Amino acid sequence: MILRLLLALNFFPSIQVTENKILVKQLPRLVVYNNEVNLSCKYTYNLFSKEFRASLYKGVDSAVEVCVVNGNYSHQPQFYSSTGFDCDGKLGNETVTFYLRNLFVNQTDIYFCKIEVMYPPPYIGNEKSNGTIIHVKEKHLCPDELFPDSSKPFWALVVVGAVLVFYSLLVTVALCAYWVREATLLLCDFRTACVSEHVQEFCLCRSFSV
């Protein structure tokens, strides 16, 4: 009889500890290609009408608090980060989804969800889950993305070149016209001089013959 009582006393505390823990499930791995990822944390606990805190931690030792939300289901609370992460989220039926944006390659790590019931007492937390490895891939840009405005300098050079060619032709035509005009004037002067000399010689010969 005493043995049964001792076994019962040892059994009930173990049940109480189990009931005061929230089980959380996460995907084991997520690969990020566009610097954005949605991490869903599924829990087995009714948080309705309770004040709770849901948070996401980074690192094996959960040293960095990535994103957190405090509140209850009576209104949609705000997600925020105090460590520089660009985060948002959404509360669902037994699910908390964290939206992480603008992730960098060096932020590849394991991330843990944490669910806590703050009120009413007693405080209830979750067993540490296996976590989710978020692998942020380096984004390789295509040539068009690397040089999105490369066509603009090209067309600018084309326009400048066309303007220079036009002015060069204009200057050349003007010089040619000027040269032709000067040559014509010189030729006219030469002919006039020749005619004048011929007239003078003719008159001189005429006078001698008389």
N, C-alpha and C. Protein backbone atom coordinates (compact mmCIF):
# COMPACT_ATOMS: atom_id res chain seq x y z
N MET A 1 0.83 -1.20 0.00
CA MET A 1 0.00 0.00 0.00
C MET A 1 0.87 1.26 0.00
N ILE A 2 1.85 1.30 0.88
CA ILE A 2 2.75 2.45 0.95
C ILE A 2 3.53 2.59 -0.34
N LEU A 3 3.91 1.46 -0.90
CA LEU A 3 4.64 1.49 -2.17
C LEU A 3 3.80 2.10 -3.28
N ARG A 4 2.49 1.76 -3.27
CA ARG A 4 1.60 2.32 -4.27
C ARG A 4 1.46 3.83 -4.11
N LEU A 5 1.38 4.29 -2.85
CA LEU A 5 1.26 5.73 -2.61
C LEU A 5 2.51 6.46 -3.08
N LEU A 6 3.66 5.88 -2.80
CA LEU A 6 4.91 6.52 -3.23
C LEU A 6 4.99 6.59 -4.76
N LEU A 7 4.57 5.50 -5.39
CA LEU A 7 4.57 5.49 -6.85
C LEU A 7 3.60 6.54 -7.40
N ALA A 8 2.43 6.69 -6.74
CA ALA A 8 1.45 7.67 -7.17
C ALA A 8 1.99 9.08 -6.99
N LEU A 9 2.66 9.35 -5.88
CA LEU A 9 3.23 10.68 -5.63
C LEU A 9 4.31 11.01 -6.65
N ASN A 10 5.07 10.01 -7.02
CA ASN A 10 6.10 10.25 -8.02
C ASN A 10 5.51 10.40 -9.43
N PHE A 11 4.35 9.83 -9.66
CA PHE A 11 3.75 9.84 -10.98
C PHE A 11 3.06 11.18 -11.27
N PHE A 12 2.31 11.69 -10.26
CA PHE A 12 1.55 12.93 -10.48
C PHE A 12 2.42 14.15 -10.77
N PRO A 13 3.54 14.35 -10.06
CA PRO A 13 4.38 15.50 -10.42
C PRO A 13 4.89 15.42 -11.84
N SER A 14 5.18 14.23 -12.31
CA SER A 14 5.66 14.11 -13.68
C SER A 14 4.58 14.50 -14.67
N ILE A 15 3.33 14.18 -14.37
CA ILE A 15 2.22 14.58 -15.23
C ILE A 15 2.07 16.10 -15.21
N GLN A 16 2.22 16.71 -14.05
CA GLN A 16 2.08 18.15 -13.92
C GLN A 16 3.16 18.88 -14.72
N VAL A 17 4.38 18.39 -14.70
CA VAL A 17 5.46 19.01 -15.46
C VAL A 17 5.18 18.91 -16.95
N THR A 18 4.66 17.75 -17.36
CA THR A 18 4.35 17.58 -18.78
C THR A 18 3.24 18.51 -19.21
N GLU A 19 2.22 18.70 -18.35
CA GLU A 19 1.10 19.56 -18.70
C GLU A 19 1.49 21.03 -18.73
N ASN A 20 2.54 21.39 -17.99
CA ASN A 20 2.98 22.77 -17.94
C ASN A 20 4.03 23.09 -19.00
N LYS A 21 4.15 22.25 -19.97
CA LYS A 21 5.06 22.50 -21.08
C LYS A 21 4.27 22.53 -22.39
N ILE A 22 4.66 23.44 -23.25
CA ILE A 22 4.01 23.56 -24.56
C ILE A 22 4.92 22.90 -25.60
N LEU A 23 4.36 22.01 -26.35
CA LEU A 23 5.12 21.34 -27.41
C LEU A 23 5.08 22.20 -28.68
N VAL A 24 6.26 22.43 -29.24
CA VAL A 24 6.39 23.26 -30.44
C VAL A 24 7.04 22.43 -31.54
N LYS A 25 6.45 22.54 -32.75
CA LYS A 25 6.99 21.84 -33.91
C LYS A 25 7.43 22.85 -34.97
N GLN A 26 8.60 22.58 -35.55
CA GLN A 26 9.14 23.44 -36.62
C GLN A 26 9.66 22.56 -37.75
N LEU A 27 9.73 23.14 -38.91
CA LEU A 27 10.37 22.45 -40.02
C LEU A 27 11.87 22.35 -39.74
N PRO A 28 12.49 21.24 -40.10
CA PRO A 28 13.92 21.08 -39.79
C PRO A 28 14.83 22.02 -40.58
N ARG A 29 14.41 22.41 -41.81
CA ARG A 29 15.32 23.20 -42.65
C ARG A 29 14.53 24.04 -43.65
N LEU A 30 15.01 25.25 -43.84
CA LEU A 30 14.44 26.15 -44.83
C LEU A 30 15.59 26.78 -45.63
N VAL A 31 15.44 26.81 -46.94
CA VAL A 31 16.44 27.41 -47.81
C VAL A 31 15.89 28.73 -48.35
N VAL A 32 16.67 29.78 -48.23
CA VAL A 32 16.24 31.12 -48.62
C VAL A 32 17.01 31.54 -49.87
N TYR A 33 16.27 31.86 -50.94
CA TYR A 33 16.89 32.27 -52.19
C TYR A 33 16.71 33.76 -52.48
N ASN A 34 15.68 34.36 -51.94
CA ASN A 34 15.38 35.76 -52.24
C ASN A 34 15.43 36.64 -50.99
N ASN A 35 16.20 36.21 -49.99
CA ASN A 35 16.42 36.99 -48.76
C ASN A 35 15.18 37.13 -47.90
N GLU A 36 14.14 36.33 -48.16
CA GLU A 36 12.93 36.35 -47.35
C GLU A 36 12.51 34.93 -47.01
N VAL A 37 11.95 34.75 -45.80
CA VAL A 37 11.51 33.42 -45.39
C VAL A 37 10.37 33.55 -44.39
N ASN A 38 9.48 32.57 -44.42
CA ASN A 38 8.38 32.48 -43.46
C ASN A 38 8.59 31.22 -42.62
N LEU A 39 8.72 31.41 -41.33
CA LEU A 39 8.94 30.29 -40.41
C LEU A 39 7.70 30.12 -39.53
N SER A 40 7.05 28.98 -39.66
CA SER A 40 5.84 28.69 -38.88
C SER A 40 6.19 27.83 -37.67
N CYS A 41 5.65 28.23 -36.52
CA CYS A 41 5.84 27.49 -35.28
C CYS A 41 4.47 26.96 -34.83
N LYS A 42 4.31 25.65 -34.86
CA LYS A 42 3.05 25.03 -34.47
C LYS A 42 3.16 24.54 -33.02
N TYR A 43 2.17 24.90 -32.22
CA TYR A 43 2.21 24.53 -30.81
C TYR A 43 0.92 23.80 -30.43
N THR A 44 1.02 23.01 -29.40
CA THR A 44 -0.13 22.21 -28.93
C THR A 44 -0.59 22.77 -27.59
N TYR A 45 -1.25 23.91 -27.66
CA TYR A 45 -1.75 24.53 -26.43
C TYR A 45 -2.79 25.55 -26.82
N ASN A 46 -3.80 25.69 -25.99
CA ASN A 46 -4.86 26.65 -26.24
C ASN A 46 -4.49 27.99 -25.60
N LEU A 47 -4.12 28.95 -26.43
CA LEU A 47 -3.72 30.26 -25.92
C LEU A 47 -4.86 31.26 -25.91
N PHE A 48 -6.06 30.81 -26.24
CA PHE A 48 -7.18 31.73 -26.29
C PHE A 48 -7.46 32.29 -24.89
N SER A 49 -7.72 33.60 -24.82
CA SER A 49 -8.01 34.34 -23.58
C SER A 49 -6.83 34.34 -22.62
N LYS A 50 -5.63 34.12 -23.11
CA LYS A 50 -4.42 34.16 -22.27
C LYS A 50 -3.45 35.18 -22.83
N GLU A 51 -2.72 35.79 -21.89
CA GLU A 51 -1.63 36.67 -22.30
C GLU A 51 -0.41 35.80 -22.57
N PHE A 52 0.15 35.93 -23.77
CA PHE A 52 1.26 35.07 -24.13
C PHE A 52 2.37 35.88 -24.79
N ARG A 53 3.48 35.23 -24.96
CA ARG A 53 4.65 35.83 -25.63
C ARG A 53 5.23 34.79 -26.57
N ALA A 54 5.31 35.15 -27.85
CA ALA A 54 5.91 34.27 -28.85
C ALA A 54 7.16 34.95 -29.39
N SER A 55 8.25 34.21 -29.44
CA SER A 55 9.51 34.81 -29.86
C SER A 55 10.32 33.82 -30.68
N LEU A 56 11.24 34.35 -31.44
CA LEU A 56 12.12 33.55 -32.30
C LEU A 56 13.56 33.90 -31.94
N TYR A 57 14.35 32.85 -31.70
CA TYR A 57 15.74 33.04 -31.28
C TYR A 57 16.69 32.43 -32.30
N LYS A 58 17.87 33.01 -32.39
CA LYS A 58 18.90 32.57 -33.33
C LYS A 58 20.10 32.02 -32.58
N GLY A 59 20.65 30.92 -33.10
CA GLY A 59 21.86 30.35 -32.53
C GLY A 59 21.58 29.10 -31.71
N VAL A 60 22.59 28.27 -31.57
CA VAL A 60 22.45 27.02 -30.81
C VAL A 60 22.08 27.31 -29.36
N ASP A 61 22.65 28.38 -28.82
CA ASP A 61 22.37 28.75 -27.43
C ASP A 61 21.23 29.76 -27.32
N SER A 62 20.54 30.04 -28.44
CA SER A 62 19.42 31.01 -28.46
C SER A 62 19.83 32.35 -27.87
N ALA A 63 21.00 32.82 -28.29
CA ALA A 63 21.54 34.04 -27.70
C ALA A 63 20.94 35.31 -28.29
N VAL A 64 20.42 35.23 -29.51
CA VAL A 64 19.93 36.43 -30.19
C VAL A 64 18.41 36.32 -30.36
N GLU A 65 17.70 37.31 -29.81
CA GLU A 65 16.25 37.36 -29.98
C GLU A 65 15.95 38.05 -31.31
N VAL A 66 15.45 37.28 -32.26
CA VAL A 66 15.24 37.78 -33.61
C VAL A 66 13.95 38.58 -33.73
N CYS A 67 12.85 38.01 -33.25
CA CYS A 67 11.54 38.64 -33.39
C CYS A 67 10.66 38.21 -32.22
N VAL A 68 9.75 39.09 -31.83
CA VAL A 68 8.92 38.80 -30.66
C VAL A 68 7.55 39.46 -30.82
N VAL A 69 6.55 38.86 -30.19
CA VAL A 69 5.22 39.44 -30.16
C VAL A 69 4.62 39.16 -28.79
N ASN A 70 3.96 40.17 -28.22
CA ASN A 70 3.29 40.03 -26.93
C ASN A 70 1.83 40.40 -27.08
N GLY A 71 0.95 39.68 -26.38
CA GLY A 71 -0.45 40.05 -26.43
C GLY A 71 -1.37 38.87 -26.24
N ASN A 72 -2.55 38.97 -26.84
CA ASN A 72 -3.54 37.91 -26.78
C ASN A 72 -4.34 37.92 -28.08
N TYR A 73 -5.29 37.01 -28.19
CA TYR A 73 -6.04 36.87 -29.42
C TYR A 73 -7.22 37.84 -29.51
N SER A 74 -7.40 38.70 -28.50
CA SER A 74 -8.49 39.67 -28.58
C SER A 74 -8.18 40.77 -29.59
N HIS A 75 -6.91 40.98 -29.93
CA HIS A 75 -6.51 41.93 -30.95
C HIS A 75 -5.24 41.41 -31.61
N GLN A 76 -4.93 41.94 -32.75
CA GLN A 76 -3.76 41.51 -33.49
C GLN A 76 -2.54 42.31 -33.02
N PRO A 77 -1.68 41.69 -32.22
CA PRO A 77 -0.51 42.42 -31.71
C PRO A 77 0.54 42.64 -32.80
N GLN A 78 1.49 43.50 -32.48
CA GLN A 78 2.54 43.84 -33.43
C GLN A 78 3.80 43.02 -33.16
N PHE A 79 4.39 42.53 -34.24
CA PHE A 79 5.68 41.86 -34.16
C PHE A 79 6.79 42.91 -34.29
N TYR A 80 7.86 42.70 -33.57
CA TYR A 80 8.97 43.66 -33.63
C TYR A 80 10.28 42.95 -33.32
N SER A 81 11.38 43.63 -33.63
CA SER A 81 12.71 43.11 -33.35
C SER A 81 13.54 44.21 -32.70
N SER A 82 14.25 43.86 -31.68
CA SER A 82 15.14 44.81 -31.00
C SER A 82 16.61 44.55 -31.35
N THR A 83 16.85 43.68 -32.31
CA THR A 83 18.23 43.33 -32.69
C THR A 83 18.52 43.62 -34.15
N GLY A 84 17.69 44.44 -34.79
CA GLY A 84 17.99 44.86 -36.15
C GLY A 84 17.44 43.99 -37.25
N PHE A 85 16.67 42.96 -36.93
CA PHE A 85 16.07 42.11 -37.96
C PHE A 85 14.81 42.78 -38.52
N ASP A 86 14.60 42.59 -39.81
CA ASP A 86 13.38 43.06 -40.46
C ASP A 86 12.35 41.94 -40.36
N CYS A 87 11.43 42.06 -39.41
CA CYS A 87 10.52 40.95 -39.14
C CYS A 87 9.08 41.43 -39.02
N ASP A 88 8.19 40.49 -39.27
CA ASP A 88 6.76 40.68 -39.08
C ASP A 88 6.20 39.30 -38.80
N GLY A 89 4.89 39.19 -38.66
CA GLY A 89 4.34 37.88 -38.37
C GLY A 89 2.84 37.84 -38.40
N LYS A 90 2.33 36.66 -38.11
CA LYS A 90 0.89 36.46 -38.11
C LYS A 90 0.54 35.36 -37.12
N LEU A 91 -0.55 35.60 -36.38
CA LEU A 91 -1.05 34.61 -35.43
C LEU A 91 -2.18 33.82 -36.07
N GLY A 92 -2.08 32.49 -35.98
CA GLY A 92 -3.12 31.63 -36.51
C GLY A 92 -3.63 30.67 -35.45
N ASN A 93 -4.40 29.71 -35.88
CA ASN A 93 -4.92 28.71 -34.97
C ASN A 93 -3.82 27.73 -34.59
N GLU A 94 -3.29 27.88 -33.38
CA GLU A 94 -2.19 27.06 -32.87
C GLU A 94 -0.95 27.18 -33.76
N THR A 95 -0.78 28.36 -34.35
CA THR A 95 0.39 28.60 -35.19
C THR A 95 0.82 30.06 -35.09
N VAL A 96 2.11 30.25 -34.96
CA VAL A 96 2.70 31.58 -35.05
C VAL A 96 3.68 31.55 -36.22
N THR A 97 3.49 32.47 -37.16
CA THR A 97 4.36 32.52 -38.34
C THR A 97 5.18 33.80 -38.29
N PHE A 98 6.48 33.64 -38.37
CA PHE A 98 7.41 34.78 -38.40
C PHE A 98 7.84 35.03 -39.84
N TYR A 99 7.73 36.29 -40.26
CA TYR A 99 8.18 36.69 -41.59
C TYR A 99 9.50 37.44 -41.43
N LEU A 100 10.56 36.89 -42.01
CA LEU A 100 11.88 37.52 -41.95
C LEU A 100 12.25 38.00 -43.34
N ARG A 101 12.67 39.25 -43.43
CA ARG A 101 13.03 39.85 -44.72
C ARG A 101 14.45 40.39 -44.66
N ASN A 102 15.02 40.62 -45.84
CA ASN A 102 16.37 41.21 -45.98
C ASN A 102 17.41 40.43 -45.18
N LEU A 103 17.36 39.12 -45.30
CA LEU A 103 18.34 38.28 -44.63
C LEU A 103 19.65 38.27 -45.42
N PHE A 104 20.75 38.11 -44.68
CA PHE A 104 22.07 38.05 -45.29
C PHE A 104 22.63 36.63 -45.16
N VAL A 105 23.64 36.36 -45.97
CA VAL A 105 24.23 35.02 -45.98
C VAL A 105 24.81 34.68 -44.60
N ASN A 106 25.41 35.67 -43.94
CA ASN A 106 26.01 35.40 -42.63
C ASN A 106 24.99 35.20 -41.51
N GLN A 107 23.70 35.31 -41.85
CA GLN A 107 22.65 35.05 -40.86
C GLN A 107 22.13 33.62 -40.97
N THR A 108 22.79 32.80 -41.76
CA THR A 108 22.47 31.38 -41.81
C THR A 108 22.77 30.76 -40.44
N ASP A 109 21.76 30.14 -39.83
CA ASP A 109 21.93 29.60 -38.48
C ASP A 109 20.70 28.75 -38.15
N ILE A 110 20.67 28.25 -36.93
CA ILE A 110 19.51 27.52 -36.45
C ILE A 110 18.64 28.47 -35.63
N TYR A 111 17.33 28.39 -35.84
CA TYR A 111 16.39 29.31 -35.21
C TYR A 111 15.37 28.49 -34.41
N PHE A 112 15.09 28.98 -33.20
CA PHE A 112 14.18 28.29 -32.28
C PHE A 112 12.96 29.16 -31.97
N CYS A 113 11.79 28.53 -31.99
CA CYS A 113 10.56 29.21 -31.57
C CYS A 113 10.35 29.00 -30.08
N LYS A 114 9.82 30.04 -29.43
CA LYS A 114 9.52 29.94 -28.01
C LYS A 114 8.14 30.52 -27.74
N ILE A 115 7.30 29.73 -27.08
CA ILE A 115 5.94 30.16 -26.73
C ILE A 115 5.82 30.16 -25.21
N GLU A 116 5.33 31.26 -24.65
CA GLU A 116 5.21 31.38 -23.19
C GLU A 116 3.83 31.93 -22.84
N VAL A 117 3.22 31.36 -21.84
CA VAL A 117 1.97 31.88 -21.27
C VAL A 117 2.34 32.73 -20.06
N MET A 118 2.06 34.03 -20.15
CA MET A 118 2.46 34.96 -19.11
C MET A 118 1.36 35.17 -18.06
N TYR A 119 0.10 35.09 -18.48
CA TYR A 119 -1.03 35.32 -17.58
C TYR A 119 -2.25 34.58 -18.11
N PRO A 120 -3.04 33.99 -17.27
CA PRO A 120 -2.95 33.91 -15.80
C PRO A 120 -1.91 32.87 -15.36
N PRO A 121 -1.54 32.95 -14.09
CA PRO A 121 -0.59 31.97 -13.57
C PRO A 121 -1.17 30.57 -13.67
N PRO A 122 -0.34 29.56 -13.68
CA PRO A 122 1.12 29.62 -13.58
C PRO A 122 1.77 29.90 -14.94
N TYR A 123 3.01 30.34 -14.89
CA TYR A 123 3.79 30.55 -16.10
C TYR A 123 3.99 29.20 -16.79
N ILE A 124 3.82 29.20 -18.10
CA ILE A 124 4.01 27.98 -18.87
C ILE A 124 4.89 28.31 -20.08
N GLY A 125 5.92 27.51 -20.25
CA GLY A 125 6.80 27.66 -21.41
C GLY A 125 6.82 26.39 -22.23
N ASN A 126 7.57 26.42 -23.30
CA ASN A 126 7.63 25.24 -24.16
C ASN A 126 8.95 24.51 -24.00
N GLU A 127 8.91 23.22 -24.25
CA GLU A 127 10.13 22.44 -24.35
C GLU A 127 10.91 22.94 -25.57
N LYS A 128 12.21 23.02 -25.44
CA LYS A 128 13.02 23.50 -26.56
C LYS A 128 12.89 22.53 -27.72
N SER A 129 12.51 23.06 -28.86
CA SER A 129 12.30 22.21 -30.04
C SER A 129 13.64 21.92 -30.71
N ASN A 130 13.56 21.15 -31.78
CA ASN A 130 14.78 20.83 -32.52
C ASN A 130 15.27 22.00 -33.36
N GLY A 131 14.42 23.01 -33.52
CA GLY A 131 14.83 24.19 -34.27
C GLY A 131 14.74 24.01 -35.77
N THR A 132 14.94 25.12 -36.46
CA THR A 132 14.93 25.14 -37.93
C THR A 132 16.22 25.78 -38.42
N ILE A 133 16.94 25.07 -39.27
CA ILE A 133 18.13 25.63 -39.89
C ILE A 133 17.69 26.46 -41.09
N ILE A 134 17.95 27.75 -41.02
CA ILE A 134 17.64 28.65 -42.13
C ILE A 134 18.93 28.91 -42.90
N HIS A 135 18.96 28.42 -44.11
CA HIS A 135 20.14 28.54 -44.98
C HIS A 135 19.88 29.64 -46.00
N VAL A 136 20.57 30.76 -45.83
CA VAL A 136 20.39 31.90 -46.73
C VAL A 136 21.39 31.77 -47.87
N LYS A 137 20.86 31.58 -49.08
CA LYS A 137 21.71 31.45 -50.26
C LYS A 137 22.12 32.82 -50.77
N GLU A 138 23.34 32.89 -51.30
CA GLU A 138 23.80 34.14 -51.89
C GLU A 138 23.06 34.38 -53.19
N LYS A 139 22.60 35.59 -53.38
CA LYS A 139 21.83 35.93 -54.56
C LYS A 139 22.78 36.31 -55.69
N HIS A 140 22.72 35.52 -56.79
CA HIS A 140 23.55 35.79 -57.96
C HIS A 140 22.75 36.63 -58.94
N LEU A 141 23.26 37.80 -59.23
CA LEU A 141 22.56 38.72 -60.12
C LEU A 141 22.92 38.45 -61.57
N CYS A 142 21.95 38.56 -62.45
CA CYS A 142 22.18 38.44 -63.89
C CYS A 142 22.87 39.71 -64.38
N PRO A 143 23.51 39.62 -65.56
CA PRO A 143 24.18 40.84 -66.09
C PRO A 143 23.25 42.03 -66.20
N ASP A 144 21.99 41.79 -66.59
CA ASP A 144 21.05 42.90 -66.69
C ASP A 144 20.77 43.52 -65.34
N GLU A 145 20.78 42.66 -64.26
CA GLU A 145 20.54 43.18 -62.91
C GLU A 145 21.77 43.85 -62.35
N LEU A 146 22.96 43.35 -62.76
CA LEU A 146 24.18 43.97 -62.28
C LEU A 146 24.36 45.36 -62.88
N PHE A 147 23.97 45.52 -64.16
CA PHE A 147 24.11 46.80 -64.84
C PHE A 147 22.76 47.21 -65.41
N PRO A 148 21.83 47.57 -64.54
CA PRO A 148 20.48 47.87 -65.03
C PRO A 148 20.41 49.09 -65.91
N ASP A 149 21.37 50.04 -65.76
CA ASP A 149 21.33 51.27 -66.54
C ASP A 149 22.45 51.32 -67.58
N SER A 150 22.96 50.13 -67.96
CA SER A 150 24.09 50.11 -68.90
C SER A 150 23.69 50.64 -70.27
N SER A 151 22.42 50.53 -70.64
CA SER A 151 21.98 51.02 -71.95
C SER A 151 21.94 52.54 -72.01
N LYS A 152 21.74 53.19 -70.87
CA LYS A 152 21.66 54.65 -70.85
C LYS A 152 22.98 55.30 -71.27
N PRO A 153 24.14 54.92 -70.69
CA PRO A 153 25.40 55.52 -71.15
C PRO A 153 25.66 55.24 -72.63
N PHE A 154 25.28 54.06 -73.10
CA PHE A 154 25.49 53.72 -74.50
C PHE A 154 24.74 54.69 -75.41
N TRP A 155 23.45 54.89 -75.14
CA TRP A 155 22.66 55.78 -75.98
C TRP A 155 23.11 57.23 -75.82
N ALA A 156 23.60 57.57 -74.64
CA ALA A 156 24.13 58.93 -74.46
C ALA A 156 25.36 59.14 -75.34
N LEU A 157 26.24 58.12 -75.40
CA LEU A 157 27.41 58.22 -76.27
C LEU A 157 26.99 58.30 -77.74
N VAL A 158 25.97 57.53 -78.11
CA VAL A 158 25.49 57.58 -79.49
C VAL A 158 24.99 58.98 -79.85
N VAL A 159 24.22 59.58 -78.95
CA VAL A 159 23.69 60.92 -79.20
C VAL A 159 24.82 61.94 -79.30
N VAL A 160 25.78 61.87 -78.37
CA VAL A 160 26.92 62.80 -78.40
C VAL A 160 27.72 62.64 -79.69
N GLY A 161 27.94 61.37 -80.08
CA GLY A 161 28.68 61.11 -81.31
C GLY A 161 27.96 61.66 -82.53
N ALA A 162 26.63 61.48 -82.56
CA ALA A 162 25.85 61.99 -83.68
C ALA A 162 25.92 63.51 -83.75
N VAL A 163 25.86 64.17 -82.60
CA VAL A 163 25.95 65.64 -82.57
C VAL A 163 27.31 66.10 -83.07
N LEU A 164 28.38 65.41 -82.63
CA LEU A 164 29.73 65.79 -83.07
C LEU A 164 29.89 65.60 -84.58
N VAL A 165 29.37 64.50 -85.09
CA VAL A 165 29.46 64.25 -86.54
C VAL A 165 28.69 65.33 -87.30
N PHE A 166 27.51 65.69 -86.80
CA PHE A 166 26.71 66.72 -87.48
C PHE A 166 27.45 68.05 -87.52
N TYR A 167 28.04 68.45 -86.37
CA TYR A 167 28.77 69.71 -86.35
C TYR A 167 30.02 69.64 -87.22
N SER A 168 30.68 68.49 -87.27
CA SER A 168 31.85 68.34 -88.13
C SER A 168 31.47 68.52 -89.59
N LEU A 169 30.37 67.89 -90.00
CA LEU A 169 29.90 68.06 -91.37
C LEU A 169 29.53 69.51 -91.66
N LEU A 170 28.86 70.13 -90.67
CA LEU A 170 28.46 71.53 -90.85
C LEU A 170 29.67 72.43 -91.02
N VAL A 171 30.70 72.22 -90.19
CA VAL A 171 31.92 73.03 -90.29
C VAL A 171 32.62 72.77 -91.62
N THR A 172 32.66 71.51 -92.04
CA THR A 172 33.30 71.16 -93.31
C THR A 172 32.61 71.83 -94.49
N VAL A 173 31.28 71.77 -94.50
CA VAL A 173 30.51 72.41 -95.58
C VAL A 173 30.75 73.91 -95.59
N ALA A 174 30.78 74.52 -94.39
CA ALA A 174 31.01 75.96 -94.31
C ALA A 174 32.39 76.33 -94.84
N LEU A 175 33.41 75.53 -94.47
CA LEU A 175 34.77 75.79 -94.96
C LEU A 175 34.86 75.62 -96.48
N CYS A 176 34.19 74.55 -96.96
CA CYS A 176 34.21 74.34 -98.42
C CYS A 176 33.54 75.50 -99.16
N ALA A 177 32.42 75.96 -98.64
CA ALA A 177 31.73 77.09 -99.27
C ALA A 177 32.59 78.35 -99.25
N TYR A 178 33.26 78.55 -98.12
CA TYR A 178 34.14 79.72 -98.02
C TYR A 178 35.30 79.62 -99.00
N TRP A 179 35.88 78.42 -99.12
CA TRP A 179 37.03 78.23 -100.02
C TRP A 179 36.61 78.43 -101.48
N VAL A 180 35.44 77.89 -101.83
CA VAL A 180 34.95 78.07 -103.20
C VAL A 180 34.70 79.54 -103.49
N ARG A 181 34.14 80.25 -102.53
CA ARG A 181 33.86 81.68 -102.71
C ARG A 181 35.15 82.45 -102.90
N GLU A 182 36.16 82.17 -102.05
CA GLU A 182 37.43 82.87 -102.16
C GLU A 182 38.11 82.55 -103.49
N ALA A 183 38.05 81.26 -103.88
CA ALA A 183 38.68 80.88 -105.16
C ALA A 183 37.99 81.58 -106.33
N THR A 184 36.68 81.70 -106.26
CA THR A 184 35.93 82.37 -107.32
C THR A 184 36.30 83.85 -107.40
N LEU A 185 36.42 84.49 -106.24
CA LEU A 185 36.80 85.90 -106.21
C LEU A 185 38.20 86.10 -106.78
N LEU A 186 39.13 85.21 -106.40
CA LEU A 186 40.50 85.33 -106.91
C LEU A 186 40.53 85.15 -108.43
N LEU A 187 39.74 84.19 -108.93
CA LEU A 187 39.70 83.95 -110.36
C LEU A 187 39.13 85.16 -111.10
N CYS A 188 38.09 85.73 -110.53
CA CYS A 188 37.50 86.93 -111.14
C CYS A 188 38.49 88.08 -111.16
N ASP A 189 39.22 88.28 -110.08
CA ASP A 189 40.22 89.35 -110.02
C ASP A 189 41.30 89.11 -111.05
N PHE A 190 41.72 87.84 -111.19
CA PHE A 190 42.78 87.51 -112.15
C PHE A 190 42.31 87.79 -113.57
N ARG A 191 41.10 87.39 -113.91
CA ARG A 191 40.58 87.65 -115.24
C ARG A 191 40.45 89.15 -115.51
N THR A 192 40.00 89.87 -114.51
CA THR A 192 39.86 91.32 -114.67
C THR A 192 41.20 91.96 -114.92
N ALA A 193 42.21 91.49 -114.19
CA ALA A 193 43.56 92.05 -114.37
C ALA A 193 44.09 91.74 -115.76
N CYS A 194 43.86 90.52 -116.18
CA CYS A 194 44.34 90.13 -117.51
C CYS A 194 43.66 90.95 -118.60
N VAL A 195 42.37 91.13 -118.49
CA VAL A 195 41.63 91.93 -119.47
C VAL A 195 42.14 93.36 -119.49
N SER A 196 42.41 93.92 -118.32
CA SER A 196 42.90 95.29 -118.23
C SER A 196 44.25 95.43 -118.90
N GLU A 197 45.16 94.49 -118.65
CA GLU A 197 46.49 94.53 -119.26
C GLU A 197 46.38 94.40 -120.78
N HIS A 198 45.50 93.52 -121.25
CA HIS A 198 45.32 93.33 -122.69
C HIS A 198 44.82 94.61 -123.35
N VAL A 199 43.92 95.29 -122.68
CA VAL A 199 43.39 96.54 -123.21
C VAL A 199 44.48 97.60 -123.27
N GLN A 200 45.28 97.66 -122.21
CA GLN A 200 46.36 98.64 -122.18
C GLN A 200 47.37 98.38 -123.31
N GLU A 201 47.74 97.10 -123.50
CA GLU A 201 48.70 96.77 -124.56
C GLU A 201 48.12 97.12 -125.94
N PHE A 202 46.84 96.80 -126.10
CA PHE A 202 46.20 97.10 -127.37
C PHE A 202 46.22 98.60 -127.64
N CYS A 203 45.93 99.38 -126.64
CA CYS A 203 45.91 100.83 -126.81
C CYS A 203 47.30 101.37 -127.11
N LEU A 204 48.34 100.81 -126.44
CA LEU A 204 49.69 101.26 -126.64
C LEU A 204 50.15 100.94 -128.05
N CYS A 205 49.84 99.75 -128.51
CA CYS A 205 50.22 99.37 -129.89
C CYS A 205 49.48 100.27 -130.89
N ARG A 206 48.30 100.60 -130.63
CA ARG A 206 47.50 101.44 -131.51
C ARG A 206 48.09 102.83 -131.62
N SER A 207 48.57 103.33 -130.51
CA SER A 207 49.12 104.67 -130.49
C SER A 207 50.45 104.73 -131.27
N PHE A 208 51.28 103.69 -131.18
CA PHE A 208 52.53 103.64 -131.90
C PHE A 208 52.31 103.52 -133.39
N SER A 209 51.29 102.77 -133.75
CA SER A 209 51.04 102.59 -135.16
C SER A 209 50.55 103.90 -135.81
N VAL A 210 49.90 104.72 -135.08
CA VAL A 210 49.42 106.00 -135.58
C VAL A 210 50.61 106.95 -135.71
